[in-house]
Amino acid sequence: MGAWGTGIYDNDAAADFATTISERGMGAIQQAFGLAKQLPYLDVDEGNNALVAADVVARLRSGGGEQTSYAEPVTLWVAAATFPDTEALATDARAAIGRVIDRERSEVFQLWAETDSLVEWLGVINELTDRLA
């Protein structure tokens, strides 16, 4: 069984996508946001990738974020990255988060809704959204 927890990086797909971002950079982030915008329904991996991409943008804007071994590739990439204007990225990140928390069109939300941890997970999402401000 794979990893599963309320943190942004607490599942296998998100941890893998953190490595993808460290290797492909902004292209991977933009692809995750593009899929979140275009697809009529986000499966769990696409939704988790969108959250990781949003977390990266939040780190670029205001710092913070999980300091775990799963997030380490992103932490190192952000430390080396320089992006003077992240406002457009933040707009895309907020839109992607909106799709992930759409109860009708997001497998991530639907899976969390079936657990006792929905409120805790939504707290993590709210903290991420706050860091995008």
Protein backbone atom coordinates (compact mmCIF):
# COMPACT_ATOMS: atom_id res chain seq x y z
CA MET A 1 0.00 0.00 0.00
CA GLY A 2 1.27 3.45 -0.87
CA ALA A 3 1.65 6.50 1.32
CA TRP A 4 -1.51 8.46 2.11
CA GLY A 5 -1.82 11.41 4.47
CA THR A 6 -3.29 14.89 4.69
CA GLY A 7 -0.08 16.73 3.80
CA ILE A 8 0.45 17.95 0.24
CA TYR A 9 3.31 15.48 -0.25
CA ASP A 10 1.91 12.62 1.84
CA ASN A 11 1.16 10.29 -1.06
CA ASP A 12 3.28 8.48 -3.59
CA ALA A 13 2.12 10.42 -6.66
CA ALA A 14 2.82 13.79 -5.03
CA ALA A 15 6.26 12.69 -3.87
CA ASP A 16 7.03 11.47 -7.40
CA PHE A 17 5.81 14.75 -8.87
CA ALA A 18 8.10 16.68 -6.51
CA THR A 19 11.01 14.87 -8.16
CA THR A 20 9.57 15.62 -11.61
CA ILE A 21 9.47 19.33 -10.76
CA SER A 22 13.07 19.24 -9.58
CA GLU A 23 14.03 17.73 -12.95
CA ARG A 24 11.69 19.59 -15.35
CA GLY A 25 11.03 22.82 -13.46
CA MET A 26 8.43 25.28 -14.57
CA GLY A 27 7.30 23.14 -17.50
CA ALA A 28 6.01 20.48 -15.09
CA ILE A 29 4.22 23.10 -13.00
CA GLN A 30 2.54 24.66 -16.01
CA GLN A 31 1.52 21.23 -17.31
CA ALA A 32 -0.12 20.38 -13.97
CA PHE A 33 -2.04 23.66 -14.00
CA GLY A 34 -3.02 23.14 -17.65
CA LEU A 35 -4.47 19.70 -16.93
CA ALA A 36 -6.36 21.03 -13.91
CA LYS A 37 -7.88 23.70 -16.13
CA GLN A 38 -8.67 21.57 -19.18
CA LEU A 39 -9.83 18.20 -17.92
CA PRO A 40 -13.50 17.81 -17.12
CA TYR A 41 -12.63 15.48 -14.21
CA LEU A 42 -9.37 15.31 -12.25
CA ASP A 43 -8.23 11.88 -11.25
CA VAL A 44 -6.33 11.50 -8.01
CA ASP A 45 -2.84 11.79 -9.51
CA GLU A 46 -3.68 14.86 -11.59
CA GLY A 47 -5.31 16.51 -8.58
CA ASN A 48 -2.37 15.78 -6.31
CA ASN A 49 0.05 17.07 -8.96
CA ALA A 50 -1.92 20.31 -9.14
CA LEU A 51 -1.62 20.68 -5.36
CA VAL A 52 2.14 20.09 -5.46
CA ALA A 53 2.47 22.66 -8.26
CA ALA A 54 0.42 25.14 -6.22
CA ASP A 55 2.64 24.48 -3.20
CA VAL A 56 5.73 25.24 -5.27
CA VAL A 57 4.25 28.57 -6.34
CA ALA A 58 3.37 29.35 -2.71
CA ARG A 59 6.96 28.57 -1.70
CA LEU A 60 8.24 30.91 -4.41
CA ARG A 61 5.91 33.68 -3.21
CA SER A 62 5.96 33.45 0.54
CA GLY A 63 8.10 30.55 1.64
CA GLY A 64 6.85 27.96 4.05
CA GLY A 65 5.55 24.57 3.14
CA GLU A 66 6.18 21.08 4.39
CA GLN A 67 9.74 20.24 5.33
CA THR A 68 9.65 16.49 4.83
CA SER A 69 11.78 14.04 2.91
CA TYR A 70 8.96 13.77 0.37
CA ALA A 71 9.05 17.53 -0.23
CA GLU A 72 12.85 17.78 -0.27
CA PRO A 73 13.26 17.83 -4.10
CA VAL A 74 10.90 20.81 -4.26
CA THR A 75 12.54 22.53 -1.30
CA LEU A 76 15.94 22.33 -3.02
CA TRP A 77 14.55 23.42 -6.40
CA VAL A 78 12.78 26.44 -4.92
CA ALA A 79 15.93 27.46 -3.04
CA ALA A 80 17.79 27.65 -6.36
CA ALA A 81 14.94 29.19 -8.39
CA THR A 82 14.39 32.87 -9.10
CA PHE A 83 11.10 34.11 -10.47
CA PRO A 84 10.59 37.86 -10.09
CA ASP A 85 6.89 37.86 -10.91
CA THR A 86 4.75 35.01 -9.64
CA GLU A 87 1.33 36.69 -9.74
CA ALA A 88 0.15 34.89 -12.90
CA LEU A 89 1.38 31.60 -11.45
CA ALA A 90 -0.50 32.31 -8.22
CA THR A 91 -3.69 32.91 -10.20
CA ASP A 92 -3.22 29.56 -11.95
CA ALA A 93 -2.45 27.88 -8.61
CA ARG A 94 -5.62 29.22 -6.98
CA ALA A 95 -7.69 28.04 -9.97
CA ALA A 96 -6.09 24.58 -9.75
CA ILE A 97 -6.87 24.37 -6.04
CA GLY A 98 -10.46 25.32 -6.82
CA ARG A 99 -10.69 22.39 -9.21
CA VAL A 100 -9.17 19.98 -6.68
CA ILE A 101 -11.73 20.92 -4.03
CA ASP A 102 -14.65 20.68 -6.47
CA ARG A 103 -16.66 17.82 -5.00
CA GLU A 104 -18.22 16.96 -8.37
CA ARG A 105 -15.12 17.02 -10.58
CA SER A 106 -12.24 15.90 -8.36
CA GLU A 107 -11.37 12.37 -7.32
CA VAL A 108 -9.06 13.78 -4.64
CA PHE A 109 -11.93 15.58 -2.95
CA GLN A 110 -14.21 12.57 -3.31
CA LEU A 111 -11.65 10.27 -1.71
CA TRP A 112 -11.12 12.64 1.23
CA ALA A 113 -14.88 13.03 1.64
CA GLU A 114 -15.04 9.29 2.35
CA THR A 115 -12.65 9.60 5.31
CA ASP A 116 -12.71 11.04 8.80
CA SER A 117 -9.83 13.34 7.78
CA LEU A 118 -11.67 15.63 5.34
CA VAL A 119 -11.64 18.61 7.72
CA GLU A 120 -7.92 18.14 8.45
CA TRP A 121 -7.14 17.90 4.71
CA LEU A 122 -9.19 21.03 3.98
CA GLY A 123 -7.18 22.81 6.68
CA VAL A 124 -3.99 21.95 4.77
CA ILE A 125 -5.58 23.24 1.57
CA ASN A 126 -6.65 26.48 3.29
CA GLU A 127 -3.11 27.01 4.61
CA LEU A 128 -1.76 26.48 1.08
CA THR A 129 -4.24 28.97 -0.33
CA ASP A 130 -3.23 31.52 2.34
CA ARG A 131 0.43 31.16 1.37
CA LEU A 132 -0.47 32.06 -2.23
CA ALA A 133 -1.69 35.52 -1.20
